[in-house]
Amino acid sequence: AKPEIRLGMPPTFGGTQRLPRLAGRKRAMELLLTGET
């Protein structure tokens, strides 16, 4: 999970940068913006 948004913040250890590079922008956005497992 990428649950940082549930704390009212973005990821801070590189998740906004590495995940889109691995998974693609739109698929990463869904995980980052929902915080779902």
Full PDB file with SEQRES, HELIX, SHEET, SSBOND, CRYST1, ORIGX, SCALE, CONECT and MASTER records, all heavy atoms in Angstrom:
SEQRES   1 A   37  ALA LYS PRO GLU ILE ARG LEU GLY MET PRO PRO THR PHE          
SEQRES   2 A   37  GLY GLY THR GLN ARG LEU PRO ARG LEU ALA GLY ARG LYS          
SEQRES   3 A   37  ARG ALA MET GLU LEU LEU LEU THR GLY GLU THR                  
HELIX    1 AA1 PRO A    3  LEU A    7  5                                   5    
HELIX    2 AA2 GLY A   15  ALA A   23  1                                   9    
HELIX    3 AA3 ARG A   25  THR A   34  1                                  10    
CRYST1    1.000    1.000    1.000  90.00  90.00  90.00 P 1           1          
ORIGX1      1.000000  0.000000  0.000000        0.00000                         
ORIGX2      0.000000  1.000000  0.000000        0.00000                         
ORIGX3      0.000000  0.000000  1.000000        0.00000                         
SCALE1      1.000000  0.000000  0.000000        0.00000                         
SCALE2      0.000000  1.000000  0.000000        0.00000                         
SCALE3      0.000000  0.000000  1.000000        0.00000                         
ATOM      1  N   ALA A   1       0.845  -1.201   0.000  1.00  0.00           N  
ATOM      2  CA  ALA A   1       0.000   0.000   0.000  1.00  0.00           C  
ATOM      3  C   ALA A   1       0.870   1.236   0.000  1.00  0.00           C  
ATOM      4  O   ALA A   1       2.010   1.223   0.480  1.00  0.00           O  
ATOM      5  CB  ALA A   1      -0.928   0.020   1.211  1.00  0.00           C  
ATOM      6  N   LYS A   2       0.278   2.306  -0.553  1.00  0.00           N  
ATOM      7  CA  LYS A   2       0.877   3.638  -0.508  1.00  0.00           C  
ATOM      8  C   LYS A   2      -0.090   4.521   0.291  1.00  0.00           C  
ATOM      9  O   LYS A   2      -0.835   5.326  -0.275  1.00  0.00           O  
ATOM     10  CB  LYS A   2       1.048   4.189  -1.920  1.00  0.00           C  
ATOM     11  CG  LYS A   2       1.748   3.246  -2.896  1.00  0.00           C  
ATOM     12  CD  LYS A   2       3.192   3.015  -2.533  1.00  0.00           C  
ATOM     13  CE  LYS A   2       3.978   4.283  -2.647  1.00  0.00           C  
ATOM     14  NZ  LYS A   2       5.430   4.040  -2.343  1.00  0.00           N  
ATOM     15  N   PRO A   3      -0.110   4.361   1.630  1.00  0.00           N  
ATOM     16  CA  PRO A   3      -1.181   4.968   2.428  1.00  0.00           C  
ATOM     17  C   PRO A   3      -0.906   6.375   2.927  1.00  0.00           C  
ATOM     18  O   PRO A   3      -1.692   6.908   3.724  1.00  0.00           O  
ATOM     19  CB  PRO A   3      -1.267   4.001   3.613  1.00  0.00           C  
ATOM     20  CG  PRO A   3       0.152   3.563   3.815  1.00  0.00           C  
ATOM     21  CD  PRO A   3       0.769   3.504   2.424  1.00  0.00           C  
ATOM     22  N   GLU A   4       0.176   7.018   2.466  1.00  0.00           N  
ATOM     23  CA  GLU A   4       0.534   8.321   3.025  1.00  0.00           C  
ATOM     24  C   GLU A   4      -0.574   9.354   2.864  1.00  0.00           C  
ATOM     25  O   GLU A   4      -0.755  10.222   3.725  1.00  0.00           O  
ATOM     26  CB  GLU A   4       1.826   8.832   2.364  1.00  0.00           C  
ATOM     27  CG  GLU A   4       3.074   8.057   2.730  1.00  0.00           C  
ATOM     28  CD  GLU A   4       3.345   6.874   1.809  1.00  0.00           C  
ATOM     29  OE1 GLU A   4       2.434   6.493   1.030  1.00  0.00           O  
ATOM     30  OE2 GLU A   4       4.457   6.336   1.860  1.00  0.00           O  
ATOM     31  N   ILE A   5      -1.338   9.243   1.763  1.00  0.00           N  
ATOM     32  CA  ILE A   5      -2.399  10.230   1.544  1.00  0.00           C  
ATOM     33  C   ILE A   5      -3.430  10.183   2.665  1.00  0.00           C  
ATOM     34  O   ILE A   5      -4.092  11.180   2.973  1.00  0.00           O  
ATOM     35  CB  ILE A   5      -3.063  10.023   0.164  1.00  0.00           C  
ATOM     36  CG1 ILE A   5      -3.893  11.259  -0.195  1.00  0.00           C  
ATOM     37  CG2 ILE A   5      -3.883   8.727   0.122  1.00  0.00           C  
ATOM     38  CD1 ILE A   5      -4.270  11.342  -1.640  1.00  0.00           C  
ATOM     39  N   ARG A   6      -3.577   9.048   3.326  1.00  0.00           N  
ATOM     40  CA  ARG A   6      -4.518   8.933   4.436  1.00  0.00           C  
ATOM     41  C   ARG A   6      -4.046   9.689   5.675  1.00  0.00           C  
ATOM     42  O   ARG A   6      -4.823   9.898   6.613  1.00  0.00           O  
ATOM     43  CB  ARG A   6      -4.757   7.466   4.757  1.00  0.00           C  
ATOM     44  CG  ARG A   6      -5.349   6.702   3.580  1.00  0.00           C  
ATOM     45  CD  ARG A   6      -5.761   5.301   3.929  1.00  0.00           C  
ATOM     46  NE  ARG A   6      -6.361   4.641   2.783  1.00  0.00           N  
ATOM     47  CZ  ARG A   6      -7.042   3.500   2.831  1.00  0.00           C  
ATOM     48  NH1 ARG A   6      -7.205   2.891   3.995  1.00  0.00           N  
ATOM     49  NH2 ARG A   6      -7.549   2.976   1.732  1.00  0.00           N  
ATOM     50  N   LEU A   7      -2.768  10.073   5.663  1.00  0.00           N  
ATOM     51  CA  LEU A   7      -2.232  10.902   6.741  1.00  0.00           C  
ATOM     52  C   LEU A   7      -2.214  12.379   6.350  1.00  0.00           C  
ATOM     53  O   LEU A   7      -1.751  13.216   7.117  1.00  0.00           O  
ATOM     54  CB  LEU A   7      -0.805  10.459   7.089  1.00  0.00           C  
ATOM     55  CG  LEU A   7      -0.638   9.024   7.585  1.00  0.00           C  
ATOM     56  CD1 LEU A   7       0.841   8.706   7.767  1.00  0.00           C  
ATOM     57  CD2 LEU A   7      -1.402   8.807   8.880  1.00  0.00           C  
ATOM     58  N   GLY A   8      -2.680  12.667   5.141  1.00  0.00           N  
ATOM     59  CA  GLY A   8      -2.685  14.047   4.671  1.00  0.00           C  
ATOM     60  C   GLY A   8      -1.347  14.507   4.138  1.00  0.00           C  
ATOM     61  O   GLY A   8      -0.999  15.681   4.263  1.00  0.00           O  
ATOM     62  N   MET A   9      -0.591  13.593   3.517  1.00  0.00           N  
ATOM     63  CA  MET A   9       0.737  13.931   3.016  1.00  0.00           C  
ATOM     64  C   MET A   9       1.086  13.055   1.819  1.00  0.00           C  
ATOM     65  O   MET A   9       0.464  12.016   1.603  1.00  0.00           O  
ATOM     66  CB  MET A   9       1.786  13.718   4.117  1.00  0.00           C  
ATOM     67  CG  MET A   9       1.824  12.289   4.643  1.00  0.00           C  
ATOM     68  SD  MET A   9       3.053  12.043   5.944  1.00  0.00           S  
ATOM     69  CE  MET A   9       4.515  11.765   4.935  1.00  0.00           C  
ATOM     70  N   PRO A  10       2.064  13.456   1.017  1.00  0.00           N  
ATOM     71  CA  PRO A  10       2.565  12.593  -0.058  1.00  0.00           C  
ATOM     72  C   PRO A  10       3.625  11.656   0.502  1.00  0.00           C  
ATOM     73  O   PRO A  10       4.160  11.878   1.597  1.00  0.00           O  
ATOM     74  CB  PRO A  10       3.197  13.588  -1.042  1.00  0.00           C  
ATOM     75  CG  PRO A  10       3.703  14.683  -0.156  1.00  0.00           C  
ATOM     76  CD  PRO A  10       2.705  14.794   0.974  1.00  0.00           C  
ATOM     77  N   PRO A  11       3.968  10.609  -0.234  1.00  0.00           N  
ATOM     78  CA  PRO A  11       5.125   9.797   0.144  1.00  0.00           C  
ATOM     79  C   PRO A  11       6.384  10.653   0.181  1.00  0.00           C  
ATOM     80  O   PRO A  11       6.489  11.658  -0.539  1.00  0.00           O  
ATOM     81  CB  PRO A  11       5.204   8.746  -0.962  1.00  0.00           C  
ATOM     82  CG  PRO A  11       3.816   8.654  -1.491  1.00  0.00           C  
ATOM     83  CD  PRO A  11       3.279  10.058  -1.409  1.00  0.00           C  
ATOM     84  N   THR A  12       7.350  10.235   1.008  1.00  0.00           N  
ATOM     85  CA  THR A  12       8.541  11.065   1.195  1.00  0.00           C  
ATOM     86  C   THR A  12       9.857  10.312   1.029  1.00  0.00           C  
ATOM     87  O   THR A  12      10.923  10.921   1.093  1.00  0.00           O  
ATOM     88  CB  THR A  12       8.540  11.700   2.598  1.00  0.00           C  
ATOM     89  OG1 THR A  12       8.445  10.652   3.573  1.00  0.00           O  
ATOM     90  CG2 THR A  12       7.379  12.659   2.766  1.00  0.00           C  
ATOM     91  N   PHE A  13       9.808   8.995   0.837  1.00  0.00           N  
ATOM     92  CA  PHE A  13      11.049   8.230   0.672  1.00  0.00           C  
ATOM     93  C   PHE A  13      11.302   7.899  -0.797  1.00  0.00           C  
ATOM     94  O   PHE A  13      12.063   6.999  -1.107  1.00  0.00           O  
ATOM     95  CB  PHE A  13      11.003   6.925   1.472  1.00  0.00           C  
ATOM     96  CG  PHE A  13      11.006   7.070   2.971  1.00  0.00           C  
ATOM     97  CD1 PHE A  13      10.962   8.303   3.584  1.00  0.00           C  
ATOM     98  CD2 PHE A  13      11.048   5.947   3.775  1.00  0.00           C  
ATOM     99  CE1 PHE A  13      10.957   8.428   4.971  1.00  0.00           C  
ATOM    100  CE2 PHE A  13      11.044   6.053   5.158  1.00  0.00           C  
ATOM    101  CZ  PHE A  13      10.994   7.295   5.766  1.00  0.00           C  
ATOM    102  N   GLY A  14      10.655   8.623  -1.707  1.00  0.00           N  
ATOM    103  CA  GLY A  14      10.861   8.416  -3.130  1.00  0.00           C  
ATOM    104  C   GLY A  14       9.683   7.799  -3.853  1.00  0.00           C  
ATOM    105  O   GLY A  14       9.763   7.541  -5.054  1.00  0.00           O  
ATOM    106  N   GLY A  15       8.576   7.564  -3.168  1.00  0.00           N  
ATOM    107  CA  GLY A  15       7.450   6.864  -3.767  1.00  0.00           C  
ATOM    108  C   GLY A  15       6.765   7.599  -4.908  1.00  0.00           C  
ATOM    109  O   GLY A  15       6.265   6.966  -5.845  1.00  0.00           O  
ATOM    110  N   THR A  16       6.765   8.935  -4.859  1.00  0.00           N  
ATOM    111  CA  THR A  16       6.147   9.678  -5.963  1.00  0.00           C  
ATOM    112  C   THR A  16       7.014   9.652  -7.216  1.00  0.00           C  
ATOM    113  O   THR A  16       6.541   9.988  -8.309  1.00  0.00           O  
ATOM    114  CB  THR A  16       5.881  11.142  -5.587  1.00  0.00           C  
ATOM    115  OG1 THR A  16       7.134  11.791  -5.309  1.00  0.00           O  
ATOM    116  CG2 THR A  16       4.962  11.256  -4.381  1.00  0.00           C  
ATOM    117  N   GLN A  17       8.267   9.272  -7.080  1.00  0.00           N  
ATOM    118  CA  GLN A  17       9.189   9.260  -8.214  1.00  0.00           C  
ATOM    119  C   GLN A  17       9.445   7.856  -8.747  1.00  0.00           C  
ATOM    120  O   GLN A  17       9.421   7.630  -9.952  1.00  0.00           O  
ATOM    121  CB  GLN A  17      10.519   9.915  -7.806  1.00  0.00           C  
ATOM    122  CG  GLN A  17      10.375  11.341  -7.314  1.00  0.00           C  
ATOM    123  CD  GLN A  17       9.630  12.221  -8.304  1.00  0.00           C  
ATOM    124  OE1 GLN A  17      10.050  12.334  -9.463  1.00  0.00           O  
ATOM    125  NE2 GLN A  17       8.531  12.831  -7.883  1.00  0.00           N  
ATOM    126  N   ARG A  18       9.691   6.900  -7.857  1.00  0.00           N  
ATOM    127  CA  ARG A  18      10.052   5.554  -8.332  1.00  0.00           C  
ATOM    128  C   ARG A  18       8.834   4.761  -8.784  1.00  0.00           C  
ATOM    129  O   ARG A  18       8.917   4.027  -9.778  1.00  0.00           O  
ATOM    130  CB  ARG A  18      10.802   4.799  -7.240  1.00  0.00           C  
ATOM    131  CG  ARG A  18      12.187   5.367  -6.947  1.00  0.00           C  
ATOM    132  CD  ARG A  18      12.996   4.477  -6.031  1.00  0.00           C  
ATOM    133  NE  ARG A  18      14.310   5.071  -5.772  1.00  0.00           N  
ATOM    134  CZ  ARG A  18      14.577   5.860  -4.722  1.00  0.00           C  
ATOM    135  NH1 ARG A  18      13.626   6.124  -3.838  1.00  0.00           N  
ATOM    136  NH2 ARG A  18      15.781   6.380  -4.571  1.00  0.00           N  
ATOM    137  N   LEU A  19       7.717   4.868  -8.083  1.00  0.00           N  
ATOM    138  CA  LEU A  19       6.563   4.062  -8.459  1.00  0.00           C  
ATOM    139  C   LEU A  19       6.067   4.395  -9.868  1.00  0.00           C  
ATOM    140  O   LEU A  19       5.805   3.471 -10.656  1.00  0.00           O  
ATOM    141  CB  LEU A  19       5.430   4.210  -7.434  1.00  0.00           C  
ATOM    142  CG  LEU A  19       4.237   3.278  -7.669  1.00  0.00           C  
ATOM    143  CD1 LEU A  19       4.658   1.809  -7.602  1.00  0.00           C  
ATOM    144  CD2 LEU A  19       3.124   3.565  -6.665  1.00  0.00           C  
ATOM    145  N   PRO A  20       5.917   5.661 -10.258  1.00  0.00           N  
ATOM    146  CA  PRO A  20       5.514   5.933 -11.637  1.00  0.00           C  
ATOM    147  C   PRO A  20       6.509   5.405 -12.667  1.00  0.00           C  
ATOM    148  O   PRO A  20       6.113   4.985 -13.759  1.00  0.00           O  
ATOM    149  CB  PRO A  20       5.424   7.463 -11.689  1.00  0.00           C  
ATOM    150  CG  PRO A  20       5.176   7.875 -10.278  1.00  0.00           C  
ATOM    151  CD  PRO A  20       5.956   6.900  -9.455  1.00  0.00           C  
ATOM    152  N   ARG A  21       7.784   5.407 -12.337  1.00  0.00           N  
ATOM    153  CA  ARG A  21       8.782   4.889 -13.269  1.00  0.00           C  
ATOM    154  C   ARG A  21       8.678   3.370 -13.406  1.00  0.00           C  
ATOM    155  O   ARG A  21       8.970   2.815 -14.462  1.00  0.00           O  
ATOM    156  CB  ARG A  21      10.181   5.293 -12.801  1.00  0.00           C  
ATOM    157  CG  ARG A  21      10.494   6.780 -13.015  1.00  0.00           C  
ATOM    158  CD  ARG A  21      11.757   7.184 -12.257  1.00  0.00           C  
ATOM    159  NE  ARG A  21      12.276   8.482 -12.657  1.00  0.00           N  
ATOM    160  CZ  ARG A  21      11.809   9.651 -12.238  1.00  0.00           C  
ATOM    161  NH1 ARG A  21      10.780   9.691 -11.394  1.00  0.00           N  
ATOM    162  NH2 ARG A  21      12.352  10.788 -12.643  1.00  0.00           N  
ATOM    163  N   LEU A  22       8.273   2.702 -12.331  1.00  0.00           N  
ATOM    164  CA  LEU A  22       8.119   1.250 -12.369  1.00  0.00           C  
ATOM    165  C   LEU A  22       6.789   0.827 -12.992  1.00  0.00           C  
ATOM    166  O   LEU A  22       6.735  -0.079 -13.821  1.00  0.00           O  
ATOM    167  CB  LEU A  22       8.193   0.675 -10.941  1.00  0.00           C  
ATOM    168  CG  LEU A  22       9.559   0.613 -10.274  1.00  0.00           C  
ATOM    169  CD1 LEU A  22       9.402   0.314  -8.798  1.00  0.00           C  
ATOM    170  CD2 LEU A  22      10.427  -0.446 -10.938  1.00  0.00           C  
ATOM    171  N   ALA A  23       5.725   1.470 -12.569  1.00  0.00           N  
ATOM    172  CA  ALA A  23       4.381   0.995 -12.887  1.00  0.00           C  
ATOM    173  C   ALA A  23       3.696   1.773 -13.997  1.00  0.00           C  
ATOM    174  O   ALA A  23       2.689   1.309 -14.536  1.00  0.00           O  
ATOM    175  CB  ALA A  23       3.510   1.040 -11.626  1.00  0.00           C  
ATOM    176  N   GLY A  24       4.227   2.939 -14.351  1.00  0.00           N  
ATOM    177  CA  GLY A  24       3.534   3.818 -15.287  1.00  0.00           C  
ATOM    178  C   GLY A  24       2.746   4.881 -14.525  1.00  0.00           C  
ATOM    179  O   GLY A  24       2.259   4.640 -13.413  1.00  0.00           O  
ATOM    180  N   ARG A  25       2.596   6.039 -15.120  1.00  0.00           N  
ATOM    181  CA  ARG A  25       2.029   7.204 -14.434  1.00  0.00           C  
ATOM    182  C   ARG A  25       0.610   6.965 -13.929  1.00  0.00           C  
ATOM    183  O   ARG A  25       0.314   7.205 -12.756  1.00  0.00           O  
ATOM    184  CB  ARG A  25       2.060   8.412 -15.377  1.00  0.00           C  
ATOM    185  CG  ARG A  25       1.454   9.685 -14.814  1.00  0.00           C  
ATOM    186  CD  ARG A  25       1.739  10.859 -15.747  1.00  0.00           C  
ATOM    187  NE  ARG A  25       1.068  12.067 -15.326  1.00  0.00           N  
ATOM    188  CZ  ARG A  25      -0.091  12.496 -15.830  1.00  0.00           C  
ATOM    189  NH1 ARG A  25      -0.696  11.778 -16.778  1.00  0.00           N  
ATOM    190  NH2 ARG A  25      -0.639  13.619 -15.407  1.00  0.00           N  
ATOM    191  N   LYS A  26      -0.278   6.475 -14.763  1.00  0.00           N  
ATOM    192  CA  LYS A  26      -1.678   6.371 -14.363  1.00  0.00           C  
ATOM    193  C   LYS A  26      -1.895   5.269 -13.328  1.00  0.00           C  
ATOM    194  O   LYS A  26      -2.673   5.432 -12.381  1.00  0.00           O  
ATOM    195  CB  LYS A  26      -2.575   6.159 -15.598  1.00  0.00           C  
ATOM    196  CG  LYS A  26      -2.734   7.423 -16.425  1.00  0.00           C  
ATOM    197  CD  LYS A  26      -3.642   7.218 -17.596  1.00  0.00           C  
ATOM    198  CE  LYS A  26      -3.992   8.548 -18.255  1.00  0.00           C  
ATOM    199  NZ  LYS A  26      -2.809   9.303 -18.697  1.00  0.00           N  
ATOM    200  N   ARG A  27      -1.224   4.153 -13.487  1.00  0.00           N  
ATOM    201  CA  ARG A  27      -1.378   3.084 -12.503  1.00  0.00           C  
ATOM    202  C   ARG A  27      -0.787   3.502 -11.160  1.00  0.00           C  
ATOM    203  O   ARG A  27      -1.364   3.215 -10.103  1.00  0.00           O  
ATOM    204  CB  ARG A  27      -0.723   1.801 -13.023  1.00  0.00           C  
ATOM    205  CG  ARG A  27      -1.503   1.176 -14.175  1.00  0.00           C  
ATOM    206  CD  ARG A  27      -0.908  -0.122 -14.645  1.00  0.00           C  
ATOM    207  NE  ARG A  27       0.398   0.058 -15.281  1.00  0.00           N  
ATOM    208  CZ  ARG A  27       1.077  -0.917 -15.868  1.00  0.00           C  
ATOM    209  NH1 ARG A  27       0.601  -2.158 -15.864  1.00  0.00           N  
ATOM    210  NH2 ARG A  27       2.238  -0.675 -16.447  1.00  0.00           N  
ATOM    211  N   ALA A  28       0.341   4.215 -11.193  1.00  0.00           N  
ATOM    212  CA  ALA A  28       0.915   4.703  -9.946  1.00  0.00           C  
ATOM    213  C   ALA A  28       0.013   5.746  -9.297  1.00  0.00           C  
ATOM    214  O   ALA A  28      -0.178   5.742  -8.072  1.00  0.00           O  
ATOM    215  CB  ALA A  28       2.294   5.297 -10.214  1.00  0.00           C  
ATOM    216  N   MET A  29      -0.553   6.628 -10.105  1.00  0.00           N  
ATOM    217  CA  MET A  29      -1.436   7.665  -9.563  1.00  0.00           C  
ATOM    218  C   MET A  29      -2.614   7.058  -8.804  1.00  0.00           C  
ATOM    219  O   MET A  29      -3.003   7.544  -7.737  1.00  0.00           O  
ATOM    220  CB  MET A  29      -1.949   8.560 -10.692  1.00  0.00           C  
ATOM    221  CG  MET A  29      -0.958   9.593 -11.168  1.00  0.00           C  
ATOM    222  SD  MET A  29      -0.634  10.858  -9.917  1.00  0.00           S  
ATOM    223  CE  MET A  29       0.209  12.071 -10.938  1.00  0.00           C  
ATOM    224  N   GLU A  30      -3.186   5.995  -9.338  1.00  0.00           N  
ATOM    225  CA  GLU A  30      -4.318   5.361  -8.660  1.00  0.00           C  
ATOM    226  C   GLU A  30      -3.914   4.876  -7.265  1.00  0.00           C  
ATOM    227  O   GLU A  30      -4.642   5.077  -6.289  1.00  0.00           O  
ATOM    228  CB  GLU A  30      -4.835   4.189  -9.488  1.00  0.00           C  
ATOM    229  CG  GLU A  30      -6.013   3.463  -8.855  1.00  0.00           C  
ATOM    230  CD  GLU A  30      -6.514   2.301  -9.687  1.00  0.00           C  
ATOM    231  OE1 GLU A  30      -6.042   2.133 -10.820  1.00  0.00           O  
ATOM    232  OE2 GLU A  30      -7.376   1.560  -9.183  1.00  0.00           O  
ATOM    233  N   LEU A  31      -2.743   4.259  -7.165  1.00  0.00           N  
ATOM    234  CA  LEU A  31      -2.286   3.752  -5.874  1.00  0.00           C  
ATOM    235  C   LEU A  31      -1.919   4.883  -4.925  1.00  0.00           C  
ATOM    236  O   LEU A  31      -2.236   4.841  -3.727  1.00  0.00           O  
ATOM    237  CB  LEU A  31      -1.088   2.828  -6.083  1.00  0.00           C  
ATOM    238  CG  LEU A  31      -1.340   1.605  -6.960  1.00  0.00           C  
ATOM    239  CD1 LEU A  31      -0.044   0.856  -7.213  1.00  0.00           C  
ATOM    240  CD2 LEU A  31      -2.366   0.680  -6.317  1.00  0.00           C  
ATOM    241  N   LEU A  32      -1.259   5.906  -5.448  1.00  0.00           N  
ATOM    242  CA  LEU A  32      -0.818   7.022  -4.619  1.00  0.00           C  
ATOM    243  C   LEU A  32      -1.993   7.870  -4.132  1.00  0.00           C  
ATOM    244  O   LEU A  32      -1.982   8.364  -2.994  1.00  0.00           O  
ATOM    245  CB  LEU A  32       0.160   7.901  -5.398  1.00  0.00           C  
ATOM    246  CG  LEU A  32       1.522   7.285  -5.715  1.00  0.00           C  
ATOM    247  CD1 LEU A  32       2.224   8.088  -6.802  1.00  0.00           C  
ATOM    248  CD2 LEU A  32       2.384   7.208  -4.477  1.00  0.00           C  
ATOM    249  N   LEU A  33      -3.016   8.041  -4.975  1.00  0.00           N  
ATOM    250  CA  LEU A  33      -4.114   8.945  -4.642  1.00  0.00           C  
ATOM    251  C   LEU A  33      -5.243   8.279  -3.866  1.00  0.00           C  
ATOM    252  O   LEU A  33      -6.054   8.966  -3.243  1.00  0.00           O  
ATOM    253  CB  LEU A  33      -4.676   9.579  -5.919  1.00  0.00           C  
ATOM    254  CG  LEU A  33      -3.707  10.520  -6.651  1.00  0.00           C  
ATOM    255  CD1 LEU A  33      -4.294  10.980  -7.972  1.00  0.00           C  
ATOM    256  CD2 LEU A  33      -3.340  11.722  -5.778  1.00  0.00           C  
ATOM    257  N   THR A  34      -5.316   6.944  -3.888  1.00  0.00           N  
ATOM    258  CA  THR A  34      -6.348   6.248  -3.110  1.00  0.00           C  
ATOM    259  C   THR A  34      -5.817   5.692  -1.797  1.00  0.00           C  
ATOM    260  O   THR A  34      -6.573   5.558  -0.833  1.00  0.00           O  
ATOM    261  CB  THR A  34      -6.962   5.080  -3.908  1.00  0.00           C  
ATOM    262  OG1 THR A  34      -5.954   4.082  -4.138  1.00  0.00           O  
ATOM    263  CG2 THR A  34      -7.544   5.563  -5.225  1.00  0.00           C  
ATOM    264  N   GLY A  35      -4.545   5.344  -1.757  1.00  0.00           N  
ATOM    265  CA  GLY A  35      -3.988   4.729  -0.564  1.00  0.00           C  
ATOM    266  C   GLY A  35      -4.453   3.306  -0.332  1.00  0.00           C  
ATOM    267  O   GLY A  35      -4.230   2.740   0.746  1.00  0.00           O  
ATOM    268  N   GLU A  36      -5.084   2.705  -1.327  1.00  0.00           N  
ATOM    269  CA  GLU A  36      -5.648   1.365  -1.156  1.00  0.00           C  
ATOM    270  C   GLU A  36      -4.571   0.287  -1.185  1.00  0.00           C  
ATOM    271  O   GLU A  36      -3.543   0.424  -1.848  1.00  0.00           O  
ATOM    272  CB  GLU A  36      -6.677   1.101  -2.254  1.00  0.00           C  
ATOM    273  CG  GLU A  36      -7.900   2.004  -2.162  1.00  0.00           C  
ATOM    274  CD  GLU A  36      -8.814   1.916  -3.378  1.00  0.00           C  
ATOM    275  OE1 GLU A  36      -8.439   1.234  -4.361  1.00  0.00           O  
ATOM    276  OE2 GLU A  36      -9.896   2.546  -3.355  1.00  0.00           O  
ATOM    277  N   THR A  37      -4.831  -0.801  -0.465  1.00  0.00           N  
ATOM    278  CA  THR A  37      -3.902  -1.925  -0.469  1.00  0.00           C  
ATOM    279  C   THR A  37      -3.988  -2.663  -1.805  1.00  0.00           C  
ATOM    280  O   THR A  37      -5.003  -2.603  -2.499  1.00  0.00           O  
ATOM    281  CB  THR A  37      -4.212  -2.906   0.669  1.00  0.00           C  
ATOM    282  OG1 THR A  37      -5.537  -3.422   0.501  1.00  0.00           O  
ATOM    283  CG2 THR A  37      -4.104  -2.229   2.024  1.00  0.00           C  
TER     284      THR A  37                                                      
MASTER        0    0    0    3    0    0    0    6  283    1    0    3          
END                                                                             
